Amino acid sequence: MSHLQYFSYPGVGERNRQKYRYSQAVRIGDRIECAGQGGWDRQTGEIHREINAQIDAAFSNVEANLRDAHGEGWNQVFRVNSYHVPLNNEALEAMVRNFKKYMPDHEPIWTCVGVARLGDDDMRVEIEVVAHVPR
């Protein structure tokens, strides 16, 4: 897979690569695909407890992840998959609020799923995206 470029941002990204053997993003031609981003502090890994803070942090982590992979950020995102514990109106409202903030000029396709558990006991959201990044 030498034609693929993998990225893991400093802090949590590098720690997860070493500990769990996965990357935060992969660039495939004019696309960047991002692994699910949670509501953690990128440096310490501490997970925010409150759902709005988690979703806000997850959006910020997606932005940083895209930039680390040499993208511009959310303005290039065309697909979003989000996973929620639980999937409720508060979570949906926080997602939409962040969509409006980070993508004021377009609406991506979005799949939103409620799940029983995510990668850490304290995680309540995980967001993965695909971005079109012309060379």
Protein backbone atom coordinates (compact mmCIF):
# COMPACT_ATOMS: atom_id res chain seq x y z
CA MET A 1 0.00 0.00 0.00
CA SER A 2 2.93 2.31 -0.65
CA HIS A 3 0.79 4.57 -2.87
CA LEU A 4 -1.29 5.62 0.15
CA GLN A 5 -0.20 8.40 2.51
CA TYR A 6 -1.09 7.85 6.17
CA PHE A 7 -1.21 10.56 8.83
CA SER A 8 -1.41 10.66 12.63
CA TYR A 9 -1.44 14.11 14.23
CA PRO A 10 0.72 14.87 17.29
CA GLY A 11 -0.56 13.80 20.69
CA VAL A 12 -3.50 11.40 20.64
CA GLY A 13 -3.02 10.57 16.96
CA GLU A 14 0.57 9.41 17.44
CA ARG A 15 -0.25 7.59 20.70
CA ASN A 16 -3.16 5.71 19.08
CA ARG A 17 -0.94 4.73 16.13
CA GLN A 18 1.65 3.27 18.48
CA LYS A 19 -0.81 1.66 20.91
CA TYR A 20 -3.58 0.45 18.57
CA ARG A 21 -1.79 0.28 15.17
CA TYR A 22 -4.08 2.59 13.19
CA SER A 23 -3.71 5.98 11.52
CA GLN A 24 -5.95 9.02 11.89
CA ALA A 25 -6.21 9.73 8.15
CA VAL A 26 -5.28 8.37 4.76
CA ARG A 27 -4.89 10.29 1.54
CA ILE A 28 -5.98 8.48 -1.61
CA GLY A 29 -5.42 10.67 -4.65
CA ASP A 30 -7.77 13.64 -4.24
CA ARG A 31 -9.52 12.25 -1.14
CA ILE A 32 -8.76 12.28 2.55
CA GLU A 33 -10.56 9.70 4.66
CA CYS A 34 -10.47 10.23 8.42
CA ALA A 35 -10.76 7.68 11.19
CA GLY A 36 -13.47 8.43 13.72
CA GLN A 37 -12.65 11.41 15.90
CA GLY A 38 -13.96 11.60 19.43
CA GLY A 39 -14.42 14.42 21.87
CA TRP A 40 -10.94 14.28 23.35
CA ASP A 41 -8.24 16.82 24.03
CA ARG A 42 -5.71 16.17 21.24
CA GLN A 43 -2.70 16.59 23.54
CA THR A 44 -3.77 14.84 26.75
CA GLY A 45 -6.39 12.41 25.45
CA GLU A 46 -8.79 13.49 28.20
CA ILE A 47 -12.39 12.99 27.05
CA HIS A 48 -14.82 15.79 27.75
CA ARG A 49 -17.73 14.59 29.90
CA GLU A 50 -20.59 16.75 28.63
CA ILE A 51 -22.10 15.79 25.25
CA ASN A 52 -22.02 19.29 23.73
CA ALA A 53 -18.34 19.67 24.71
CA GLN A 54 -17.58 16.22 23.27
CA ILE A 55 -19.23 17.00 19.95
CA ASP A 56 -17.57 20.42 19.75
CA ALA A 57 -14.18 18.81 20.44
CA ALA A 58 -14.81 16.03 17.90
CA PHE A 59 -15.51 18.65 15.19
CA SER A 60 -12.32 20.48 16.16
CA ASN A 61 -10.40 17.19 16.02
CA VAL A 62 -11.74 16.46 12.53
CA GLU A 63 -10.58 19.92 11.41
CA ALA A 64 -7.09 19.36 12.84
CA ASN A 65 -6.93 15.85 11.37
CA LEU A 66 -7.80 17.10 7.87
CA ARG A 67 -5.22 19.88 8.09
CA ASP A 68 -2.56 17.44 9.32
CA ALA A 69 -3.26 15.37 6.18
CA HIS A 70 -2.71 18.51 4.05
CA GLY A 71 -6.37 19.38 3.53
CA GLU A 72 -8.08 22.70 4.17
CA GLY A 73 -10.60 21.43 6.70
CA TRP A 74 -14.35 21.01 6.91
CA ASN A 75 -15.01 23.10 3.79
CA GLN A 76 -13.77 20.10 1.74
CA VAL A 77 -15.89 17.47 3.53
CA PHE A 78 -18.61 15.82 1.47
CA ARG A 79 -19.44 12.79 3.65
CA VAL A 80 -19.99 12.51 7.41
CA ASN A 81 -20.71 9.40 9.46
CA SER A 82 -21.44 9.97 13.13
CA TYR A 83 -21.91 7.41 15.88
CA HIS A 84 -23.65 8.34 19.14
CA VAL A 85 -24.17 6.92 22.65
CA PRO A 86 -27.04 7.71 23.00
CA LEU A 87 -28.51 9.16 19.83
CA ASN A 88 -30.87 11.81 21.17
CA ASN A 89 -32.12 15.30 20.30
CA GLU A 90 -29.35 17.01 22.28
CA ALA A 91 -26.69 15.19 20.24
CA LEU A 92 -28.48 15.94 16.96
CA GLU A 93 -28.80 19.63 17.82
CA ALA A 94 -25.07 19.81 18.67
CA MET A 95 -24.20 18.13 15.35
CA VAL A 96 -26.35 20.55 13.34
CA ARG A 97 -24.94 23.55 15.24
CA ASN A 98 -21.43 22.44 14.32
CA PHE A 99 -22.42 21.72 10.70
CA LYS A 100 -23.59 25.33 10.46
CA LYS A 101 -20.39 26.60 12.08
CA TYR A 102 -17.87 24.51 10.12
CA MET A 103 -19.73 24.19 6.79
CA PRO A 104 -21.82 27.34 6.33
CA ASP A 105 -21.68 27.10 2.53
CA HIS A 106 -22.60 23.46 1.89
CA GLU A 107 -24.45 20.46 3.30
CA PRO A 108 -22.56 17.13 3.16
CA ILE A 109 -24.19 13.73 3.00
CA TRP A 110 -24.59 12.38 6.55
CA THR A 111 -25.25 9.02 8.13
CA CYS A 112 -26.06 9.22 11.84
CA VAL A 113 -26.19 6.03 13.92
CA GLY A 114 -26.91 5.22 17.54
CA VAL A 115 -24.61 2.53 18.95
CA ALA A 116 -24.19 0.65 22.22
CA ARG A 117 -20.52 1.56 22.78
CA LEU A 118 -17.58 3.39 21.21
CA GLY A 119 -13.80 2.95 21.60
CA ASP A 120 -13.68 4.19 25.20
CA ASP A 121 -16.20 3.90 28.04
CA ASP A 122 -16.53 7.70 28.25
CA MET A 123 -16.95 8.36 24.52
CA ARG A 124 -20.41 9.55 23.47
CA VAL A 125 -19.61 10.54 19.88
CA GLU A 126 -17.30 9.53 17.06
CA ILE A 127 -17.23 11.37 13.74
CA GLU A 128 -15.58 10.10 10.55
CA VAL A 129 -15.43 12.11 7.33
CA VAL A 130 -14.35 11.96 3.71
CA ALA A 131 -13.05 15.12 2.03
CA HIS A 132 -12.36 15.95 -1.62
CA VAL A 133 -8.97 17.64 -1.82
CA PRO A 134 -7.97 18.48 -5.40
CA ARG A 135 -4.22 18.54 -5.99
